[in-house]
PDB file of N, CA and C in Angstrom:
ATOM      1  N   MET A   1      12.756 -57.517 -52.922  1.00  0.00           N
ATOM      2  CA  MET A   1      12.713 -56.174 -53.322  1.00  0.00           C
ATOM      3  C   MET A   1      10.884 -56.857 -53.893  1.00  0.00           C
ATOM      4  N   ASP A   2       9.776 -56.018 -54.387  1.00  0.00           N
ATOM      5  CA  ASP A   2       8.340 -56.578 -54.923  1.00  0.00           C
ATOM      6  C   ASP A   2       9.197 -56.220 -56.617  1.00  0.00           C
ATOM      7  N   GLU A   3       8.121 -57.618 -56.751  1.00  0.00           N
ATOM      8  CA  GLU A   3       8.623 -57.304 -58.243  1.00  0.00           C
ATOM      9  C   GLU A   3       8.690 -56.570 -58.961  1.00  0.00           C
ATOM     10  N   ARG A   4       6.993 -55.530 -58.878  1.00  0.00           N
ATOM     11  CA  ARG A   4       6.728 -53.981 -59.802  1.00  0.00           C
ATOM     12  C   ARG A   4       7.669 -53.086 -59.386  1.00  0.00           C
ATOM     13  N   LYS A   5       7.699 -53.314 -58.169  1.00  0.00           N
ATOM     14  CA  LYS A   5       9.504 -52.575 -57.843  1.00  0.00           C
ATOM     15  C   LYS A   5      10.055 -51.955 -58.768  1.00  0.00           C
ATOM     16  N   ARG A   6      11.019 -53.250 -58.854  1.00  0.00           N
ATOM     17  CA  ARG A   6      11.791 -53.970 -59.663  1.00  0.00           C
ATOM     18  C   ARG A   6      11.411 -53.439 -61.482  1.00  0.00           C
ATOM     19  N   SER A   7       9.892 -53.740 -61.391  1.00  0.00           N
ATOM     20  CA  SER A   7       9.930 -53.998 -62.773  1.00  0.00           C
ATOM     21  C   SER A   7      10.338 -52.496 -63.337  1.00  0.00           C
ATOM     22  N   ARG A   8       9.846 -51.087 -62.406  1.00  0.00           N
ATOM     23  CA  ARG A   8       9.140 -50.169 -62.946  1.00  0.00           C
ATOM     24  C   ARG A   8      10.795 -49.880 -63.573  1.00  0.00           C
ATOM     25  N   LEU A   9      11.648 -49.508 -62.375  1.00  0.00           N
ATOM     26  CA  LEU A   9      12.446 -49.116 -62.265  1.00  0.00           C
ATOM     27  C   LEU A   9      13.808 -49.822 -63.679  1.00  0.00           C
ATOM     28  N   GLU A  10      13.813 -50.997 -63.857  1.00  0.00           N
ATOM     29  CA  GLU A  10      14.282 -51.574 -64.612  1.00  0.00           C
ATOM     30  C   GLU A  10      13.718 -51.094 -66.528  1.00  0.00           C
ATOM     31  N   GLU A  11      12.609 -51.125 -66.011  1.00  0.00           N
ATOM     32  CA  GLU A  11      11.633 -50.578 -67.549  1.00  0.00           C
ATOM     33  C   GLU A  11      12.819 -49.374 -68.052  1.00  0.00           C
ATOM     34  N   ALA A  12      12.579 -47.568 -67.145  1.00  0.00           N
ATOM     35  CA  ALA A  12      13.089 -46.993 -67.036  1.00  0.00           C
ATOM     36  C   ALA A  12      15.099 -47.074 -66.740  1.00  0.00           C
ATOM     37  N   GLY A  13      14.985 -48.530 -66.690  1.00  0.00           N
ATOM     38  CA  GLY A  13      16.703 -48.297 -66.980  1.00  0.00           C
ATOM     39  C   GLY A  13      18.010 -47.485 -66.104  1.00  0.00           C
ATOM     40  N   VAL A  14      16.877 -48.666 -64.668  1.00  0.00           N
ATOM     41  CA  VAL A  14      17.921 -48.474 -63.821  1.00  0.00           C
ATOM     42  C   VAL A  14      18.180 -49.830 -63.812  1.00  0.00           C
ATOM     43  N   ASN A  15      19.740 -50.269 -62.649  1.00  0.00           N
ATOM     44  CA  ASN A  15      20.301 -51.868 -63.051  1.00  0.00           C
ATOM     45  C   ASN A  15      20.131 -51.804 -61.382  1.00  0.00           C
ATOM     46  N   VAL A  16      19.052 -52.512 -61.058  1.00  0.00           N
ATOM     47  CA  VAL A  16      18.249 -52.527 -60.027  1.00  0.00           C
ATOM     48  C   VAL A  16      19.582 -53.311 -59.591  1.00  0.00           C
ATOM     49  N   GLU A  17      19.423 -55.000 -59.704  1.00  0.00           N
ATOM     50  CA  GLU A  17      21.136 -55.235 -58.699  1.00  0.00           C
ATOM     51  C   GLU A  17      22.244 -54.957 -58.327  1.00  0.00           C
ATOM     52  N   ASP A  18      22.249 -54.206 -59.246  1.00  0.00           N
ATOM     53  CA  ASP A  18      23.756 -53.064 -59.256  1.00  0.00           C
ATOM     54  C   ASP A  18      23.431 -52.104 -58.247  1.00  0.00           C
ATOM     55  N   VAL A  19      22.430 -51.142 -58.395  1.00  0.00           N
ATOM     56  CA  VAL A  19      22.149 -50.877 -56.950  1.00  0.00           C
ATOM     57  C   VAL A  19      22.048 -50.894 -55.858  1.00  0.00           C
ATOM     58  N   LEU A  20      21.403 -51.958 -55.501  1.00  0.00           N
ATOM     59  CA  LEU A  20      20.876 -52.401 -54.526  1.00  0.00           C
ATOM     60  C   LEU A  20      22.612 -53.024 -54.310  1.00  0.00           C
ATOM     61  N   ALA A  21      23.327 -53.254 -54.768  1.00  0.00           N
ATOM     62  CA  ALA A  21      25.278 -53.829 -54.070  1.00  0.00           C
ATOM     63  C   ALA A  21      25.647 -52.884 -53.820  1.00  0.00           C
ATOM     64  N   ARG A  22      24.779 -51.642 -54.028  1.00  0.00           N
ATOM     65  CA  ARG A  22      26.030 -50.223 -53.762  1.00  0.00           C
ATOM     66  C   ARG A  22      25.504 -50.206 -52.279  1.00  0.00           C
ATOM     67  N   PHE A  23      24.498 -50.306 -52.343  1.00  0.00           N
ATOM     68  CA  PHE A  23      24.088 -50.086 -50.574  1.00  0.00           C
ATOM     69  C   PHE A  23      23.243 -51.696 -50.094  1.00  0.00           C
ATOM     70  N   MET A  24      24.363 -52.267 -50.151  1.00  0.00           N
ATOM     71  CA  MET A  24      24.685 -53.622 -49.205  1.00  0.00           C
ATOM     72  C   MET A  24      23.927 -53.829 -49.375  1.00  0.00           C
ATOM     73  N   ASN A  25      22.362 -54.091 -50.394  1.00  0.00           N
ATOM     74  CA  ASN A  25      21.032 -54.805 -50.320  1.00  0.00           C
ATOM     75  C   ASN A  25      20.207 -54.378 -49.899  1.00  0.00           C
ATOM     76  N   ASN A  26      20.619 -53.230 -48.909  1.00  0.00           N
ATOM     77  CA  ASN A  26      20.024 -52.742 -48.292  1.00  0.00           C
ATOM     78  C   ASN A  26      18.412 -51.365 -48.761  1.00  0.00           C
ATOM     79  N   GLU A  27      17.116 -52.719 -49.491  1.00  0.00           N
ATOM     80  CA  GLU A  27      15.872 -51.856 -49.876  1.00  0.00           C
ATOM     81  C   GLU A  27      15.740 -50.600 -49.784  1.00  0.00           C
ATOM     82  N   ALA A  28      15.387 -50.428 -48.351  1.00  0.00           N
ATOM     83  CA  ALA A  28      15.178 -48.819 -48.383  1.00  0.00           C
ATOM     84  C   ALA A  28      16.060 -47.832 -47.642  1.00  0.00           C
ATOM     85  N   LEU A  29      17.649 -48.081 -47.708  1.00  0.00           N
ATOM     86  CA  LEU A  29      18.417 -47.000 -47.969  1.00  0.00           C
ATOM     87  C   LEU A  29      18.108 -47.407 -49.863  1.00  0.00           C
ATOM     88  N   MET A  30      18.820 -47.746 -50.206  1.00  0.00           N
ATOM     89  CA  MET A  30      18.532 -47.553 -51.622  1.00  0.00           C
ATOM     90  C   MET A  30      17.442 -46.596 -52.101  1.00  0.00           C
ATOM     91  N   LEU A  31      16.275 -47.023 -51.820  1.00  0.00           N
ATOM     92  CA  LEU A  31      15.404 -46.053 -51.792  1.00  0.00           C
ATOM     93  C   LEU A  31      14.748 -44.472 -51.560  1.00  0.00           C
ATOM     94  N   LYS A  32      15.329 -44.748 -50.521  1.00  0.00           N
ATOM     95  CA  LYS A  32      15.703 -42.907 -49.955  1.00  0.00           C
ATOM     96  C   LYS A  32      16.275 -42.314 -50.387  1.00  0.00           C
ATOM     97  N   PHE A  33      17.395 -42.702 -51.165  1.00  0.00           N
ATOM     98  CA  PHE A  33      18.779 -41.988 -51.933  1.00  0.00           C
ATOM     99  C   PHE A  33      17.782 -41.838 -53.666  1.00  0.00           C
ATOM    100  N   LEU A  34      17.523 -43.201 -53.419  1.00  0.00           N
ATOM    101  CA  LEU A  34      16.216 -43.038 -55.489  1.00  0.00           C
ATOM    102  C   LEU A  34      15.531 -41.858 -54.952  1.00  0.00           C
ATOM    103  N   LEU A  35      14.593 -41.766 -54.190  1.00  0.00           N
ATOM    104  CA  LEU A  35      13.754 -40.226 -54.045  1.00  0.00           C
ATOM    105  C   LEU A  35      14.819 -39.019 -53.513  1.00  0.00           C
ATOM    106  N   ARG A  36      15.988 -38.884 -53.918  1.00  0.00           N
ATOM    107  CA  ARG A  36      16.590 -38.405 -53.221  1.00  0.00           C
ATOM    108  C   ARG A  36      17.407 -37.229 -54.802  1.00  0.00           C
ATOM    109  N   PHE A  37      17.319 -38.442 -56.308  1.00  0.00           N
ATOM    110  CA  PHE A  37      17.332 -37.690 -56.588  1.00  0.00           C
ATOM    111  C   PHE A  37      16.811 -36.670 -57.176  1.00  0.00           C
ATOM    112  N   PRO A  38      15.014 -36.905 -57.360  1.00  0.00           N
ATOM    113  CA  PRO A  38      14.454 -35.800 -58.075  1.00  0.00           C
ATOM    114  C   PRO A  38      14.994 -34.354 -57.791  1.00  0.00           C
ATOM    115  N   GLN A  39      15.559 -34.505 -56.772  1.00  0.00           N
ATOM    116  CA  GLN A  39      15.870 -32.930 -56.055  1.00  0.00           C
ATOM    117  C   GLN A  39      16.868 -32.475 -56.624  1.00  0.00           C
ATOM    118  N   ASP A  40      17.893 -33.738 -56.996  1.00  0.00           N
ATOM    119  CA  ASP A  40      19.212 -32.971 -56.870  1.00  0.00           C
ATOM    120  C   ASP A  40      18.801 -32.029 -58.456  1.00  0.00           C
ATOM    121  N   PRO A  41      19.738 -30.905 -58.694  1.00  0.00           N
ATOM    122  CA  PRO A  41      19.681 -29.512 -59.175  1.00  0.00           C
ATOM    123  C   PRO A  41      20.350 -29.560 -60.721  1.00  0.00           C
ATOM    124  N   ASN A  42      21.555 -30.404 -61.036  1.00  0.00           N
ATOM    125  CA  ASN A  42      22.482 -30.458 -61.940  1.00  0.00           C
ATOM    126  C   ASN A  42      21.361 -30.808 -63.278  1.00  0.00           C
ATOM    127  N   PHE A  43      20.505 -31.201 -63.679  1.00  0.00           N
ATOM    128  CA  PHE A  43      19.738 -31.936 -64.500  1.00  0.00           C
ATOM    129  C   PHE A  43      18.875 -29.655 -64.779  1.00  0.00           C
ATOM    130  N   ALA A  44      18.530 -29.459 -64.494  1.00  0.00           N
ATOM    131  CA  ALA A  44      18.011 -27.846 -64.205  1.00  0.00           C
ATOM    132  C   ALA A  44      19.567 -26.603 -65.157  1.00  0.00           C
ATOM    133  N   LEU A  45      20.624 -27.350 -64.477  1.00  0.00           N
ATOM    134  CA  LEU A  45      21.802 -26.276 -63.517  1.00  0.00           C
ATOM    135  C   LEU A  45      21.801 -26.711 -65.248  1.00  0.00           C
ATOM    136  N   LEU A  46      22.218 -27.517 -65.897  1.00  0.00           N
ATOM    137  CA  LEU A  46      22.551 -28.156 -67.396  1.00  0.00           C
ATOM    138  C   LEU A  46      21.740 -27.610 -68.179  1.00  0.00           C
ATOM    139  N   GLN A  47      20.326 -27.531 -67.820  1.00  0.00           N
ATOM    140  CA  GLN A  47      19.663 -26.834 -69.418  1.00  0.00           C
ATOM    141  C   GLN A  47      19.557 -25.209 -68.862  1.00  0.00           C
ATOM    142  N   GLU A  48      19.856 -24.362 -67.638  1.00  0.00           N
ATOM    143  CA  GLU A  48      20.383 -22.625 -67.684  1.00  0.00           C
ATOM    144  C   GLU A  48      20.912 -23.370 -68.542  1.00  0.00           C
ATOM    145  N   ALA A  49      21.883 -23.714 -68.349  1.00  0.00           N
ATOM    146  CA  ALA A  49      23.526 -23.582 -68.953  1.00  0.00           C
ATOM    147  C   ALA A  49      23.438 -23.312 -70.263  1.00  0.00           C
ATOM    148  N   MET A  50      22.778 -23.963 -70.614  1.00  0.00           N
ATOM    149  CA  MET A  50      22.172 -24.739 -72.556  1.00  0.00           C
ATOM    150  C   MET A  50      22.147 -23.041 -73.149  1.00  0.00           C
ATOM    151  N   ALA A  51      20.257 -23.313 -72.313  1.00  0.00           N
ATOM    152  CA  ALA A  51      19.714 -22.093 -72.940  1.00  0.00           C
ATOM    153  C   ALA A  51      20.654 -20.691 -72.374  1.00  0.00           C
ATOM    154  N   ARG A  52      21.845 -20.714 -72.338  1.00  0.00           N
ATOM    155  CA  ARG A  52      22.178 -19.147 -71.692  1.00  0.00           C
ATOM    156  C   ARG A  52      23.750 -19.411 -72.639  1.00  0.00           C
ATOM    157  N   GLN A  53      23.804 -20.616 -73.517  1.00  0.00           N
ATOM    158  CA  GLN A  53      25.515 -21.042 -74.536  1.00  0.00           C
ATOM    159  C   GLN A  53      26.361 -20.775 -73.566  1.00  0.00           C
ATOM    160  N   ASP A  54      26.640 -21.895 -71.929  1.00  0.00           N
ATOM    161  CA  ASP A  54      27.539 -21.025 -71.481  1.00  0.00           C
ATOM    162  C   ASP A  54      27.973 -22.756 -71.171  1.00  0.00           C
ATOM    163  N   LEU A  55      29.086 -22.304 -72.466  1.00  0.00           N
ATOM    164  CA  LEU A  55      29.515 -23.843 -71.825  1.00  0.00           C
ATOM    165  C   LEU A  55      30.459 -24.732 -71.194  1.00  0.00           C
ATOM    166  N   GLN A  56      31.299 -24.231 -70.269  1.00  0.00           N
ATOM    167  CA  GLN A  56      32.039 -24.609 -68.903  1.00  0.00           C
ATOM    168  C   GLN A  56      31.320 -25.190 -67.337  1.00  0.00           C
ATOM    169  N   GLY A  57      29.793 -23.988 -68.052  1.00  0.00           N
ATOM    170  CA  GLY A  57      27.995 -24.172 -66.782  1.00  0.00           C
ATOM    171  C   GLY A  57      27.735 -25.532 -67.240  1.00  0.00           C
ATOM    172  N   ALA A  58      27.270 -25.663 -68.445  1.00  0.00           N
ATOM    173  CA  ALA A  58      26.514 -26.336 -69.241  1.00  0.00           C
ATOM    174  C   ALA A  58      27.449 -28.113 -68.580  1.00  0.00           C
ATOM    175  N   TYR A  59      28.405 -27.910 -69.005  1.00  0.00           N
ATOM    176  CA  TYR A  59      29.976 -29.128 -68.613  1.00  0.00           C
ATOM    177  C   TYR A  59      29.450 -29.862 -67.442  1.00  0.00           C
ATOM    178  N   ASN A  60      30.191 -28.615 -66.665  1.00  0.00           N
ATOM    179  CA  ASN A  60      29.795 -29.177 -64.913  1.00  0.00           C
ATOM    180  C   ASN A  60      28.569 -29.623 -65.005  1.00  0.00           C
ATOM    181  N   ALA A  61      27.940 -28.913 -65.134  1.00  0.00           N
ATOM    182  CA  ALA A  61      25.880 -29.803 -64.884  1.00  0.00           C
ATOM    183  C   ALA A  61      25.989 -31.081 -65.284  1.00  0.00           C
ATOM    184  N   ALA A  62      26.706 -30.810 -65.988  1.00  0.00           N
ATOM    185  CA  ALA A  62      26.538 -32.163 -67.353  1.00  0.00           C
ATOM    186  C   ALA A  62      26.969 -33.537 -66.401  1.00  0.00           C
ATOM    187  N   HIS A  63      28.304 -33.811 -66.069  1.00  0.00           N
ATOM    188  CA  HIS A  63      29.294 -34.202 -65.886  1.00  0.00           C
ATOM    189  C   HIS A  63      28.569 -34.496 -64.616  1.00  0.00           C
ATOM    190  N   THR A  64      28.461 -33.851 -63.496  1.00  0.00           N
ATOM    191  CA  THR A  64      27.964 -33.849 -62.081  1.00  0.00           C
ATOM    192  C   THR A  64      26.689 -35.152 -62.038  1.00  0.00           C
ATOM    193  N   LEU A  65      25.917 -34.951 -63.019  1.00  0.00           N
ATOM    194  CA  LEU A  65      24.821 -35.839 -63.550  1.00  0.00           C
ATOM    195  C   LEU A  65      24.675 -37.093 -63.727  1.00  0.00           C
ATOM    196  N   LYS A  66      25.891 -37.157 -64.941  1.00  0.00           N
ATOM    197  CA  LYS A  66      26.414 -38.232 -65.190  1.00  0.00           C
ATOM    198  C   LYS A  66      27.102 -39.347 -63.966  1.00  0.00           C
ATOM    199  N   GLY A  67      27.568 -38.506 -63.305  1.00  0.00           N
ATOM    200  CA  GLY A  67      28.170 -39.166 -61.304  1.00  0.00           C
ATOM    201  C   GLY A  67      26.619 -39.817 -60.596  1.00  0.00           C
ATOM    202  N   VAL A  68      26.173 -38.633 -60.281  1.00  0.00           N
ATOM    203  CA  VAL A  68      24.437 -39.111 -60.362  1.00  0.00           C
ATOM    204  C   VAL A  68      24.509 -40.328 -60.358  1.00  0.00           C
ATOM    205  N   ALA A  69      23.579 -40.411 -61.323  1.00  0.00           N
ATOM    206  CA  ALA A  69      23.384 -41.014 -62.541  1.00  0.00           C
ATOM    207  C   ALA A  69      24.957 -43.051 -62.169  1.00  0.00           C
ATOM    208  N   GLY A  70      25.238 -42.243 -62.618  1.00  0.00           N
ATOM    209  CA  GLY A  70      26.121 -43.270 -62.521  1.00  0.00           C
ATOM    210  C   GLY A  70      25.937 -44.542 -61.650  1.00  0.00           C
ATOM    211  N   ASN A  71      26.485 -43.173 -59.978  1.00  0.00           N
ATOM    212  CA  ASN A  71      26.234 -44.402 -59.049  1.00  0.00           C
ATOM    213  C   ASN A  71      25.642 -44.059 -58.123  1.00  0.00           C
ATOM    214  N   LEU A  72      24.087 -44.320 -58.615  1.00  0.00           N
ATOM    215  CA  LEU A  72      22.552 -44.376 -58.554  1.00  0.00           C
ATOM    216  C   LEU A  72      21.692 -45.576 -59.107  1.00  0.00           C
ATOM    217  N   SER A  73      23.413 -46.333 -60.434  1.00  0.00           N
ATOM    218  CA  SER A  73      22.899 -46.870 -61.684  1.00  0.00           C
ATOM    219  C   SER A  73      21.704 -46.528 -62.737  1.00  0.00           C
ATOM    220  N   MET A  74      21.883 -45.407 -62.919  1.00  0.00           N
ATOM    221  CA  MET A  74      20.823 -45.515 -63.497  1.00  0.00           C
ATOM    222  C   MET A  74      21.708 -45.376 -65.058  1.00  0.00           C
ATOM    223  N   THR A  75      21.643 -46.281 -65.410  1.00  0.00           N
ATOM    224  CA  THR A  75      22.850 -46.671 -66.997  1.00  0.00           C
ATOM    225  C   THR A  75      21.348 -45.841 -68.155  1.00  0.00           C
ATOM    226  N   GLY A  76      20.646 -46.131 -67.933  1.00  0.00           N
ATOM    227  CA  GLY A  76      19.754 -45.189 -69.192  1.00  0.00           C
ATOM    228  C   GLY A  76      20.153 -43.879 -69.196  1.00  0.00           C
ATOM    229  N   LEU A  77      19.545 -43.184 -67.953  1.00  0.00           N
ATOM    230  CA  LEU A  77      19.949 -41.738 -67.810  1.00  0.00           C
ATOM    231  C   LEU A  77      21.626 -41.346 -68.132  1.00  0.00           C
ATOM    232  N   MET A  78      22.732 -42.261 -67.560  1.00  0.00           N
ATOM    233  CA  MET A  78      23.630 -42.341 -67.563  1.00  0.00           C
ATOM    234  C   MET A  78      23.878 -42.302 -69.457  1.00  0.00           C
ATOM    235  N   ALA A  79      23.957 -43.445 -69.912  1.00  0.00           N
ATOM    236  CA  ALA A  79      24.085 -43.248 -71.344  1.00  0.00           C
ATOM    237  C   ALA A  79      23.139 -41.778 -71.812  1.00  0.00           C
ATOM    238  N   ALA A  80      22.429 -41.448 -71.700  1.00  0.00           N
ATOM    239  CA  ALA A  80      22.575 -40.617 -72.127  1.00  0.00           C
ATOM    240  C   ALA A  80      22.540 -39.056 -71.948  1.00  0.00           C
ATOM    241  N   VAL A  81      22.993 -39.034 -70.766  1.00  0.00           N
ATOM    242  CA  VAL A  81      23.600 -37.505 -70.318  1.00  0.00           C
ATOM    243  C   VAL A  81      25.590 -37.910 -71.772  1.00  0.00           C
ATOM    244  N   SER A  82      25.893 -39.095 -71.135  1.00  0.00           N
ATOM    245  CA  SER A  82      27.807 -39.307 -71.299  1.00  0.00           C
ATOM    246  C   SER A  82      27.219 -38.352 -72.872  1.00  0.00           C
ATOM    247  N   ALA A  83      26.400 -39.098 -73.377  1.00  0.00           N
ATOM    248  CA  ALA A  83      26.089 -39.015 -75.059  1.00  0.00           C
ATOM    249  C   ALA A  83      26.970 -36.999 -74.658  1.00  0.00           C
ATOM    250  N   VAL A  84      26.005 -36.333 -74.082  1.00  0.00           N
ATOM    251  CA  VAL A  84      26.360 -34.514 -73.633  1.00  0.00           C
ATOM    252  C   VAL A  84      27.592 -33.853 -73.255  1.00  0.00           C
ATOM    253  N   VAL A  85      27.727 -35.118 -72.419  1.00  0.00           N
ATOM    254  CA  VAL A  85      28.930 -34.770 -71.784  1.00  0.00           C
ATOM    255  C   VAL A  85      30.215 -34.566 -72.829  1.00  0.00           C
ATOM    256  N   GLU A  86      30.295 -35.606 -73.624  1.00  0.00           N
ATOM    257  CA  GLU A  86      31.316 -35.618 -74.510  1.00  0.00           C
ATOM    258  C   GLU A  86      31.173 -34.756 -75.140  1.00  0.00           C
ATOM    259  N   ASP A  87      29.934 -34.482 -76.037  1.00  0.00           N
ATOM    260  CA  ASP A  87      29.931 -33.571 -77.047  1.00  0.00           C
ATOM    261  C   ASP A  87      30.223 -31.699 -76.197  1.00  0.00           C
ATOM    262  N   LEU A  88      30.054 -31.412 -75.455  1.00  0.00           N
ATOM    263  CA  LEU A  88      30.167 -30.654 -74.100  1.00  0.00           C
ATOM    264  C   LEU A  88      31.864 -30.203 -74.121  1.00  0.00           C
ATOM    265  N   ARG A  89      32.194 -31.321 -73.760  1.00  0.00           N
ATOM    266  CA  ARG A  89      34.282 -31.721 -73.518  1.00  0.00           C
ATOM    267  C   ARG A  89      34.251 -31.454 -74.570  1.00  0.00           C
ATOM    268  N   GLY A  90      34.673 -31.963 -75.547  1.00  0.00           N
ATOM    269  CA  GLY A  90      34.671 -31.233 -77.062  1.00  0.00           C
ATOM    270  C   GLY A  90      34.259 -29.377 -77.348  1.00  0.00           C
ATOM    271  N   GLY A  91      33.629 -29.095 -77.106  1.00  0.00           N
ATOM    272  CA  GLY A  91      33.478 -28.052 -77.116  1.00  0.00           C
ATOM    273  C   GLY A  91      31.850 -27.540 -77.734  1.00  0.00           C
ATOM    274  N   ASP A  92      31.661 -28.319 -78.522  1.00  0.00           N
ATOM    275  CA  ASP A  92      30.052 -28.365 -79.397  1.00  0.00           C
ATOM    276  C   ASP A  92      28.878 -28.372 -79.140  1.00  0.00           C
ATOM    277  N   LEU A  93      28.468 -26.891 -78.504  1.00  0.00           N
ATOM    278  CA  LEU A  93      27.481 -26.679 -78.218  1.00  0.00           C
ATOM    279  C   LEU A  93      26.137 -26.998 -78.572  1.00  0.00           C
ATOM    280  N   ALA A  94      26.402 -27.157 -80.586  1.00  0.00           N
ATOM    281  CA  ALA A  94      25.193 -27.612 -81.038  1.00  0.00           C
ATOM    282  C   ALA A  94      24.750 -28.967 -81.402  1.00  0.00           C
ATOM    283  N   ALA A  95      26.015 -29.806 -80.602  1.00  0.00           N
ATOM    284  CA  ALA A  95      25.674 -31.327 -80.850  1.00  0.00           C
ATOM    285  C   ALA A  95      24.958 -31.385 -79.438  1.00  0.00           C
ATOM    286  N   ALA A  96      25.238 -31.188 -78.824  1.00  0.00           N
ATOM    287  CA  ALA A  96      24.787 -31.013 -77.213  1.00  0.00           C
ATOM    288  C   ALA A  96      22.974 -30.904 -76.942  1.00  0.00           C
ATOM    289  N   ALA A  97      23.216 -29.770 -78.205  1.00  0.00           N
ATOM    290  CA  ALA A  97      22.148 -29.519 -77.580  1.00  0.00           C
ATOM    291  C   ALA A  97      20.979 -30.215 -78.508  1.00  0.00           C
ATOM    292  N   ASP A  98      21.372 -31.037 -79.532  1.00  0.00           N
ATOM    293  CA  ASP A  98      20.251 -31.575 -80.324  1.00  0.00           C
ATOM    294  C   ASP A  98      20.190 -32.933 -80.356  1.00  0.00           C
ATOM    295  N   LYS A  99      20.784 -33.393 -79.241  1.00  0.00           N
ATOM    296  CA  LYS A  99      20.896 -34.494 -77.893  1.00  0.00           C
ATOM    297  C   LYS A  99      20.196 -34.199 -76.434  1.00  0.00           C
ATOM    298  N   LEU A 100      20.281 -33.248 -76.527  1.00  0.00           N
ATOM    299  CA  LEU A 100      19.173 -32.596 -74.767  1.00  0.00           C
ATOM    300  C   LEU A 100      17.699 -33.301 -74.903  1.00  0.00           C
ATOM    301  N   PRO A 101      16.945 -32.784 -76.242  1.00  0.00           N
ATOM    302  CA  PRO A 101      15.642 -33.770 -75.935  1.00  0.00           C
ATOM    303  C   PRO A 101      16.044 -35.079 -75.710  1.00  0.00           C
ATOM    304  N   ALA A 102      16.601 -35.905 -76.161  1.00  0.00           N
ATOM    305  CA  ALA A 102      16.732 -37.559 -75.541  1.00  0.00           C
ATOM    306  C   ALA A 102      16.817 -37.804 -73.757  1.00  0.00           C
ATOM    307  N   LEU A 103      18.350 -36.604 -73.627  1.00  0.00           N
ATOM    308  CA  LEU A 103      18.777 -36.514 -71.962  1.00  0.00           C
ATOM    309  C   LEU A 103      17.547 -36.464 -71.354  1.00  0.00           C
ATOM    310  N   THR A 104      16.115 -35.282 -72.199  1.00  0.00           N
ATOM    311  CA  THR A 104      15.393 -35.053 -71.068  1.00  0.00           C
ATOM    312  C   THR A 104      14.362 -35.746 -71.325  1.00  0.00           C
ATOM    313  N   GLU A 105      13.880 -36.532 -71.761  1.00  0.00           N
ATOM    314  CA  GLU A 105      13.128 -37.663 -71.823  1.00  0.00           C
ATOM    315  C   GLU A 105      13.103 -38.603 -71.789  1.00  0.00           C
ATOM    316  N   GLN A 106      14.301 -39.130 -71.493  1.00  0.00           N
ATOM    317  CA  GLN A 106      14.887 -39.861 -69.926  1.00  0.00           C
ATOM    318  C   GLN A 106      15.400 -39.037 -69.045  1.00  0.00           C
ATOM    319  N   TYR A 107      15.877 -38.408 -68.591  1.00  0.00           N
ATOM    320  CA  TYR A 107      15.482 -37.771 -67.164  1.00  0.00           C
ATOM    321  C   TYR A 107      14.255 -37.981 -66.811  1.00  0.00           C
ATOM    322  N   HIS A 108      13.412 -37.999 -67.102  1.00  0.00           N
ATOM    323  CA  HIS A 108      11.686 -37.624 -66.622  1.00  0.00           C
ATOM    324  C   HIS A 108      10.938 -38.740 -66.804  1.00  0.00           C
ATOM    325  N   LYS A 109      11.765 -39.273 -67.581  1.00  0.00           N
ATOM    326  CA  LYS A 109      11.601 -40.842 -67.287  1.00  0.00           C
ATOM    327  C   LYS A 109      11.629 -42.011 -65.967  1.00  0.00           C
ATOM    328  N   THR A 110      13.220 -41.745 -65.756  1.00  0.00           N
ATOM    329  CA  THR A 110      13.801 -42.077 -64.847  1.00  0.00           C
ATOM    330  C   THR A 110      13.261 -41.847 -63.231  1.00  0.00           C
ATOM    331  N   VAL A 111      12.912 -40.040 -63.186  1.00  0.00           N
ATOM    332  CA  VAL A 111      11.996 -39.223 -61.906  1.00  0.00           C
ATOM    333  C   VAL A 111      10.724 -40.277 -62.013  1.00  0.00           C
ATOM    334  N   ALA A 112       9.888 -40.752 -63.191  1.00  0.00           N
ATOM    335  CA  ALA A 112       8.789 -40.743 -63.258  1.00  0.00           C
ATOM    336  C   ALA A 112       8.592 -42.174 -62.400  1.00  0.00           C
ATOM    337  N   ALA A 113       9.758 -43.293 -62.691  1.00  0.00           N
ATOM    338  CA  ALA A 113      10.093 -44.568 -62.636  1.00  0.00           C
ATOM    339  C   ALA A 113       9.887 -44.904 -60.191  1.00  0.00           C
ATOM    340  N   VAL A 114      11.168 -43.417 -60.159  1.00  0.00           N
ATOM    341  CA  VAL A 114      11.842 -43.444 -59.378  1.00  0.00           C
ATOM    342  C   VAL A 114      10.622 -43.155 -58.477  1.00  0.00           C
ATOM    343  N   THR A 115       9.831 -42.556 -58.341  1.00  0.00           N
ATOM    344  CA  THR A 115       9.132 -41.934 -57.827  1.00  0.00           C
ATOM    345  C   THR A 115       7.350 -42.708 -57.587  1.00  0.00           C
ATOM    346  N   GLU A 116       7.221 -43.182 -58.565  1.00  0.00           N
ATOM    347  CA  GLU A 116       5.978 -44.220 -58.736  1.00  0.00           C
ATOM    348  C   GLU A 116       6.462 -45.347 -58.104  1.00  0.00           C
ATOM    349  N   ALA A 117       7.888 -46.258 -58.614  1.00  0.00           N
ATOM    350  CA  ALA A 117       8.215 -47.323 -57.271  1.00  0.00           C
ATOM    351  C   ALA A 117       8.389 -47.000 -56.121  1.00  0.00           C
ATOM    352  N   ALA A 118       8.898 -46.090 -55.594  1.00  0.00           N
ATOM    353  CA  ALA A 118       8.787 -45.484 -54.063  1.00  0.00           C
ATOM    354  C   ALA A 118       6.580 -45.556 -53.937  1.00  0.00           C
ATOM    355  N   GLN A 119       6.089 -45.412 -54.647  1.00  0.00           N
ATOM    356  CA  GLN A 119       4.962 -45.531 -53.917  1.00  0.00           C
ATOM    357  C   GLN A 119       3.930 -46.692 -53.173  1.00  0.00           C
ATOM    358  N   ILE A 120       4.760 -48.070 -54.570  1.00  0.00           N
ATOM    359  CA  ILE A 120       4.733 -49.274 -54.702  1.00  0.00           C
ATOM    360  C   ILE A 120       4.494 -49.987 -53.224  1.00  0.00           C
ATOM    361  N   PRO A 121       3.851 -50.245 -52.428  1.00  0.00           N
ATOM    362  CA  PRO A 121       3.467 -51.091 -51.149  1.00  0.00           C
ATOM    363  C   PRO A 121       5.024 -52.501 -51.184  1.00  0.00           C
TER     364      PRO A 121
END
């Protein structure tokens, strides 16, 4: 893997060695799946559910986002969303809402890194 791609992904909290291993060291396949991540609807669903104070909807979206981030070795994002999932699991919407800005920042950082890394030749 190009060192610039690796570096950009790692800066955003993606464990490149781990995700490459998940895709049997097939970089093209790995990038294909990483590039699908920005279209995953769960972050938007989480935001919408939080705005509606929908505990179950927010939990479902956050838990699914956590799984997707974990499968793609997005450790920074997974850590941020895990904290929200735990608050929601405990029924604490206010605590989850307090953590939403950090999650949002990490989400956008991850999406930007994936998009930029894919554009590096």
